Amino acid sequence: MRDIEQYLIDTADRCVELARAGRQMADRLEAISNDLMAKAVELDSERDKRNKDEQVRPAAKRKI
């Protein structure tokens, strides 16, 4: 009977370890997601600024 009790205790401990590891991984994935989103917004803003700057410049005159 002691073997079953020890197995249940060991399994319960392993479940807790896995749950904690899962939460840590979820936190890391969320942080990575936030970093990726921030970079996407940064790149989008830079592209919009370049496009705006190009629209403000006068068109080059053609020589005939």
PDB file of N, CA and C in Angstrom:
ATOM      1  N   MET A   1       0.817  -1.194   0.000  1.00  0.00           N
ATOM      2  CA  MET A   1       0.000   0.000   0.000  1.00  0.00           C
ATOM      3  C   MET A   1       0.859   1.255   0.000  1.00  0.00           C
ATOM      4  N   ARG A   2       2.000   1.221   0.612  1.00  0.00           N
ATOM      5  CA  ARG A   2       2.889   2.384   0.668  1.00  0.00           C
ATOM      6  C   ARG A   2       3.354   2.794  -0.719  1.00  0.00           C
ATOM      7  N   ASP A   3       3.539   1.851  -1.625  1.00  0.00           N
ATOM      8  CA  ASP A   3       3.967   2.157  -2.984  1.00  0.00           C
ATOM      9  C   ASP A   3       2.950   3.022  -3.705  1.00  0.00           C
ATOM     10  N   ILE A   4       1.673   2.713  -3.517  1.00  0.00           N
ATOM     11  CA  ILE A   4       0.617   3.489  -4.163  1.00  0.00           C
ATOM     12  C   ILE A   4       0.596   4.904  -3.593  1.00  0.00           C
ATOM     13  N   GLU A   5       0.723   5.015  -2.276  1.00  0.00           N
ATOM     14  CA  GLU A   5       0.735   6.339  -1.657  1.00  0.00           C
ATOM     15  C   GLU A   5       1.916   7.165  -2.163  1.00  0.00           C
ATOM     16  N   GLN A   6       3.086   6.568  -2.242  1.00  0.00           N
ATOM     17  CA  GLN A   6       4.270   7.279  -2.724  1.00  0.00           C
ATOM     18  C   GLN A   6       4.101   7.678  -4.187  1.00  0.00           C
ATOM     19  N   TYR A   7       3.530   6.789  -4.976  1.00  0.00           N
ATOM     20  CA  TYR A   7       3.275   7.091  -6.386  1.00  0.00           C
ATOM     21  C   TYR A   7       2.351   8.301  -6.511  1.00  0.00           C
ATOM     22  N   LEU A   8       1.278   8.316  -5.710  1.00  0.00           N
ATOM     23  CA  LEU A   8       0.337   9.433  -5.762  1.00  0.00           C
ATOM     24  C   LEU A   8       0.994  10.742  -5.328  1.00  0.00           C
ATOM     25  N   ILE A   9       1.811  10.678  -4.294  1.00  0.00           N
ATOM     26  CA  ILE A   9       2.527  11.861  -3.823  1.00  0.00           C
ATOM     27  C   ILE A   9       3.499  12.357  -4.897  1.00  0.00           C
ATOM     28  N   ASP A  10       4.267  11.440  -5.475  1.00  0.00           N
ATOM     29  CA  ASP A  10       5.224  11.807  -6.527  1.00  0.00           C
ATOM     30  C   ASP A  10       4.502  12.390  -7.738  1.00  0.00           C
ATOM     31  N   THR A  11       3.376  11.793  -8.104  1.00  0.00           N
ATOM     32  CA  THR A  11       2.614  12.275  -9.248  1.00  0.00           C
ATOM     33  C   THR A  11       2.030  13.659  -8.970  1.00  0.00           C
ATOM     34  N   ALA A  12       1.531  13.856  -7.772  1.00  0.00           N
ATOM     35  CA  ALA A  12       0.999  15.169  -7.390  1.00  0.00           C
ATOM     36  C   ALA A  12       2.109  16.218  -7.442  1.00  0.00           C
ATOM     37  N   ASP A  13       3.294  15.885  -6.923  1.00  0.00           N
ATOM     38  CA  ASP A  13       4.427  16.821  -6.972  1.00  0.00           C
ATOM     39  C   ASP A  13       4.803  17.155  -8.408  1.00  0.00           C
ATOM     40  N   ARG A  14       4.803  16.155  -9.253  1.00  0.00           N
ATOM     41  CA  ARG A  14       5.147  16.367 -10.671  1.00  0.00           C
ATOM     42  C   ARG A  14       4.107  17.255 -11.350  1.00  0.00           C
ATOM     43  N   CYS A  15       2.850  17.076 -11.002  1.00  0.00           N
ATOM     44  CA  CYS A  15       1.790  17.925 -11.559  1.00  0.00           C
ATOM     45  C   CYS A  15       2.001  19.388 -11.182  1.00  0.00           C
ATOM     46  N   VAL A  16       2.385  19.620  -9.935  1.00  0.00           N
ATOM     47  CA  VAL A  16       2.658  20.989  -9.484  1.00  0.00           C
ATOM     48  C   VAL A  16       3.847  21.565 -10.245  1.00  0.00           C
ATOM     49  N   GLU A  17       4.899  20.785 -10.401  1.00  0.00           N
ATOM     50  CA  GLU A  17       6.075  21.250 -11.147  1.00  0.00           C
ATOM     51  C   GLU A  17       5.715  21.617 -12.583  1.00  0.00           C
ATOM     52  N   LEU A  18       4.932  20.760 -13.220  1.00  0.00           N
ATOM     53  CA  LEU A  18       4.526  21.024 -14.605  1.00  0.00           C
ATOM     54  C   LEU A  18       3.633  22.257 -14.703  1.00  0.00           C
ATOM     55  N   ALA A  19       2.739  22.422 -13.740  1.00  0.00           N
ATOM     56  CA  ALA A  19       1.858  23.596 -13.740  1.00  0.00           C
ATOM     57  C   ALA A  19       2.676  24.875 -13.594  1.00  0.00           C
ATOM     58  N   ARG A  20       3.655  24.853 -12.703  1.00  0.00           N
ATOM     59  CA  ARG A  20       4.510  26.036 -12.524  1.00  0.00           C
ATOM     60  C   ARG A  20       5.338  26.311 -13.769  1.00  0.00           C
ATOM     61  N   ALA A  21       5.885  25.268 -14.353  1.00  0.00           N
ATOM     62  CA  ALA A  21       6.672  25.428 -15.579  1.00  0.00           C
ATOM     63  C   ALA A  21       5.787  25.979 -16.698  1.00  0.00           C
ATOM     64  N   GLY A  22       4.557  25.500 -16.755  1.00  0.00           N
ATOM     65  CA  GLY A  22       3.624  25.991 -17.764  1.00  0.00           C
ATOM     66  C   GLY A  22       3.318  27.462 -17.593  1.00  0.00           C
ATOM     67  N   ARG A  23       3.133  27.897 -16.352  1.00  0.00           N
ATOM     68  CA  ARG A  23       2.873  29.320 -16.087  1.00  0.00           C
ATOM     69  C   ARG A  23       4.086  30.163 -16.455  1.00  0.00           C
ATOM     70  N   GLN A  24       5.279  29.662 -16.126  1.00  0.00           N
ATOM     71  CA  GLN A  24       6.496  30.400 -16.483  1.00  0.00           C
ATOM     72  C   GLN A  24       6.638  30.506 -17.993  1.00  0.00           C
ATOM     73  N   MET A  25       6.357  29.420 -18.688  1.00  0.00           N
ATOM     74  CA  MET A  25       6.450  29.444 -20.145  1.00  0.00           C
ATOM     75  C   MET A  25       5.415  30.391 -20.733  1.00  0.00           C
ATOM     76  N   ALA A  26       4.213  30.368 -20.190  1.00  0.00           N
ATOM     77  CA  ALA A  26       3.163  31.275 -20.672  1.00  0.00           C
ATOM     78  C   ALA A  26       3.590  32.724 -20.463  1.00  0.00           C
ATOM     79  N   ASP A  27       4.187  33.019 -19.324  1.00  0.00           N
ATOM     80  CA  ASP A  27       4.673  34.381 -19.061  1.00  0.00           C
ATOM     81  C   ASP A  27       5.755  34.785 -20.053  1.00  0.00           C
ATOM     82  N   ARG A  28       6.679  33.863 -20.341  1.00  0.00           N
ATOM     83  CA  ARG A  28       7.752  34.159 -21.305  1.00  0.00           C
ATOM     84  C   ARG A  28       7.187  34.353 -22.706  1.00  0.00           C
ATOM     85  N   LEU A  29       6.240  33.508 -23.092  1.00  0.00           N
ATOM     86  CA  LEU A  29       5.620  33.654 -24.407  1.00  0.00           C
ATOM     87  C   LEU A  29       4.868  34.978 -24.523  1.00  0.00           C
ATOM     88  N   GLU A  30       4.214  35.375 -23.459  1.00  0.00           N
ATOM     89  CA  GLU A  30       3.509  36.659 -23.478  1.00  0.00           C
ATOM     90  C   GLU A  30       4.492  37.812 -23.605  1.00  0.00           C
ATOM     91  N   ALA A  31       5.627  37.736 -22.917  1.00  0.00           N
ATOM     92  CA  ALA A  31       6.649  38.781 -23.022  1.00  0.00           C
ATOM     93  C   ALA A  31       7.209  38.848 -24.438  1.00  0.00           C
ATOM     94  N   ILE A  32       7.458  37.693 -25.037  1.00  0.00           N
ATOM     95  CA  ILE A  32       7.949  37.653 -26.419  1.00  0.00           C
ATOM     96  C   ILE A  32       6.905  38.261 -27.351  1.00  0.00           C
ATOM     97  N   SER A  33       5.650  37.911 -27.146  1.00  0.00           N
ATOM     98  CA  SER A  33       4.566  38.454 -27.957  1.00  0.00           C
ATOM     99  C   SER A  33       4.517  39.974 -27.854  1.00  0.00           C
ATOM    100  N   ASN A  34       4.667  40.496 -26.646  1.00  0.00           N
ATOM    101  CA  ASN A  34       4.660  41.948 -26.445  1.00  0.00           C
ATOM    102  C   ASN A  34       5.827  42.606 -27.168  1.00  0.00           C
ATOM    103  N   ASP A  35       7.003  41.988 -27.101  1.00  0.00           N
ATOM    104  CA  ASP A  35       8.181  42.529 -27.798  1.00  0.00           C
ATOM    105  C   ASP A  35       7.968  42.538 -29.307  1.00  0.00           C
ATOM    106  N   LEU A  36       7.418  41.459 -29.834  1.00  0.00           N
ATOM    107  CA  LEU A  36       7.159  41.379 -31.276  1.00  0.00           C
ATOM    108  C   LEU A  36       6.140  42.426 -31.711  1.00  0.00           C
ATOM    109  N   MET A  37       5.105  42.609 -30.917  1.00  0.00           N
ATOM    110  CA  MET A  37       4.091  43.602 -31.247  1.00  0.00           C
ATOM    111  C   MET A  37       4.675  45.004 -31.211  1.00  0.00           C
ATOM    112  N   ALA A  38       5.506  45.294 -30.231  1.00  0.00           N
ATOM    113  CA  ALA A  38       6.139  46.608 -30.138  1.00  0.00           C
ATOM    114  C   ALA A  38       7.032  46.860 -31.349  1.00  0.00           C
ATOM    115  N   LYS A  39       7.767  45.849 -31.786  1.00  0.00           N
ATOM    116  CA  LYS A  39       8.637  45.991 -32.957  1.00  0.00           C
ATOM    117  C   LYS A  39       7.801  46.216 -34.212  1.00  0.00           C
ATOM    118  N   ALA A  40       6.684  45.512 -34.338  1.00  0.00           N
ATOM    119  CA  ALA A  40       5.805  45.691 -35.489  1.00  0.00           C
ATOM    120  C   ALA A  40       5.262  47.122 -35.539  1.00  0.00           C
ATOM    121  N   VAL A  41       4.857  47.642 -34.399  1.00  0.00           N
ATOM    122  CA  VAL A  41       4.350  49.017 -34.334  1.00  0.00           C
ATOM    123  C   VAL A  41       5.465  50.004 -34.690  1.00  0.00           C
ATOM    124  N   GLU A  42       6.666  49.763 -34.188  1.00  0.00           N
ATOM    125  CA  GLU A  42       7.803  50.625 -34.494  1.00  0.00           C
ATOM    126  C   GLU A  42       8.086  50.646 -35.999  1.00  0.00           C
ATOM    127  N   LEU A  43       8.127  49.481 -36.621  1.00  0.00           N
ATOM    128  CA  LEU A  43       8.386  49.399 -38.056  1.00  0.00           C
ATOM    129  C   LEU A  43       7.271  50.057 -38.860  1.00  0.00           C
ATOM    130  N   ASP A  44       6.040  49.856 -38.435  1.00  0.00           N
ATOM    131  CA  ASP A  44       4.900  50.455 -39.121  1.00  0.00           C
ATOM    132  C   ASP A  44       4.970  51.979 -39.035  1.00  0.00           C
ATOM    133  N   SER A  45       5.322  52.491 -37.870  1.00  0.00           N
ATOM    134  CA  SER A  45       5.442  53.939 -37.693  1.00  0.00           C
ATOM    135  C   SER A  45       6.557  54.514 -38.564  1.00  0.00           C
ATOM    136  N   GLU A  46       7.684  53.812 -38.626  1.00  0.00           N
ATOM    137  CA  GLU A  46       8.792  54.271 -39.467  1.00  0.00           C
ATOM    138  C   GLU A  46       8.389  54.282 -40.936  1.00  0.00           C
ATOM    139  N   ARG A  47       7.669  53.259 -41.373  1.00  0.00           N
ATOM    140  CA  ARG A  47       7.217  53.193 -42.764  1.00  0.00           C
ATOM    141  C   ARG A  47       6.239  54.323 -43.066  1.00  0.00           C
ATOM    142  N   ASP A  48       5.307  54.571 -42.145  1.00  0.00           N
ATOM    143  CA  ASP A  48       4.345  55.661 -42.341  1.00  0.00           C
ATOM    144  C   ASP A  48       5.057  57.004 -42.422  1.00  0.00           C
ATOM    145  N   LYS A  49       6.068  57.195 -41.584  1.00  0.00           N
ATOM    146  CA  LYS A  49       6.820  58.459 -41.595  1.00  0.00           C
ATOM    147  C   LYS A  49       7.556  58.622 -42.921  1.00  0.00           C
ATOM    148  N   ARG A  50       8.176  57.554 -43.415  1.00  0.00           N
ATOM    149  CA  ARG A  50       8.877  57.629 -44.709  1.00  0.00           C
ATOM    150  C   ARG A  50       7.899  57.957 -45.828  1.00  0.00           C
ATOM    151  N   ASN A  51       6.742  57.297 -45.818  1.00  0.00           N
ATOM    152  CA  ASN A  51       5.731  57.549 -46.850  1.00  0.00           C
ATOM    153  C   ASN A  51       5.237  58.991 -46.791  1.00  0.00           C
ATOM    154  N   LYS A  52       5.057  59.514 -45.590  1.00  0.00           N
ATOM    155  CA  LYS A  52       4.603  60.893 -45.426  1.00  0.00           C
ATOM    156  C   LYS A  52       5.674  61.850 -45.940  1.00  0.00           C
ATOM    157  N   ASP A  53       6.944  61.592 -45.609  1.00  0.00           N
ATOM    158  CA  ASP A  53       8.041  62.438 -46.074  1.00  0.00           C
ATOM    159  C   ASP A  53       8.123  62.435 -47.592  1.00  0.00           C
ATOM    160  N   GLU A  54       7.896  61.293 -48.213  1.00  0.00           N
ATOM    161  CA  GLU A  54       7.956  61.194 -49.675  1.00  0.00           C
ATOM    162  C   GLU A  54       6.813  61.960 -50.326  1.00  0.00           C
ATOM    163  N   GLN A  55       5.674  62.000 -49.695  1.00  0.00           N
ATOM    164  CA  GLN A  55       4.529  62.715 -50.254  1.00  0.00           C
ATOM    165  C   GLN A  55       4.713  64.228 -50.151  1.00  0.00           C
ATOM    166  N   VAL A  56       5.458  64.685 -49.145  1.00  0.00           N
ATOM    167  CA  VAL A  56       5.663  66.112 -48.923  1.00  0.00           C
ATOM    168  C   VAL A  56       6.667  66.678 -49.923  1.00  0.00           C
ATOM    169  N   ARG A  57       7.639  65.915 -50.333  1.00  0.00           N
ATOM    170  CA  ARG A  57       8.649  66.377 -51.272  1.00  0.00           C
ATOM    171  C   ARG A  57       8.009  66.687 -52.632  1.00  0.00           C
ATOM    172  N   PRO A  58       8.462  67.787 -53.248  1.00  0.00           N
ATOM    173  CA  PRO A  58       7.916  68.094 -54.583  1.00  0.00           C
ATOM    174  C   PRO A  58       8.439  67.091 -55.608  1.00  0.00           C
ATOM    175  N   ALA A  59       7.636  66.839 -56.612  1.00  0.00           N
ATOM    176  CA  ALA A  59       8.024  65.902 -57.664  1.00  0.00           C
ATOM    177  C   ALA A  59       9.170  66.498 -58.472  1.00  0.00           C
ATOM    178  N   ALA A  60      10.081  65.659 -58.894  1.00  0.00           N
ATOM    179  CA  ALA A  60      11.211  66.121 -59.690  1.00  0.00           C
ATOM    180  C   ALA A  60      10.710  66.553 -61.061  1.00  0.00           C
ATOM    181  N   LYS A  61      11.307  67.654 -61.567  1.00  0.00           N
ATOM    182  CA  LYS A  61      10.908  68.167 -62.891  1.00  0.00           C
ATOM    183  C   LYS A  61      11.652  67.401 -63.961  1.00  0.00           C
ATOM    184  N   ARG A  62      10.931  67.091 -65.024  1.00  0.00           N
ATOM    185  CA  ARG A  62      11.538  66.393 -66.148  1.00  0.00           C
ATOM    186  C   ARG A  62      12.122  67.398 -67.126  1.00  0.00           C
ATOM    187  N   LYS A  63      13.257  67.061 -67.674  1.00  0.00           N
ATOM    188  CA  LYS A  63      13.857  67.880 -68.725  1.00  0.00           C
ATOM    189  C   LYS A  63      13.366  67.366 -70.063  1.00  0.00           C
ATOM    190  N   ILE A  64      13.021  68.284 -70.889  1.00  0.00           N
ATOM    191  CA  ILE A  64      12.515  67.887 -72.205  1.00  0.00           C
ATOM    192  C   ILE A  64      13.562  68.163 -73.261  1.00  0.00           C
TER     193      ILE A  64
END
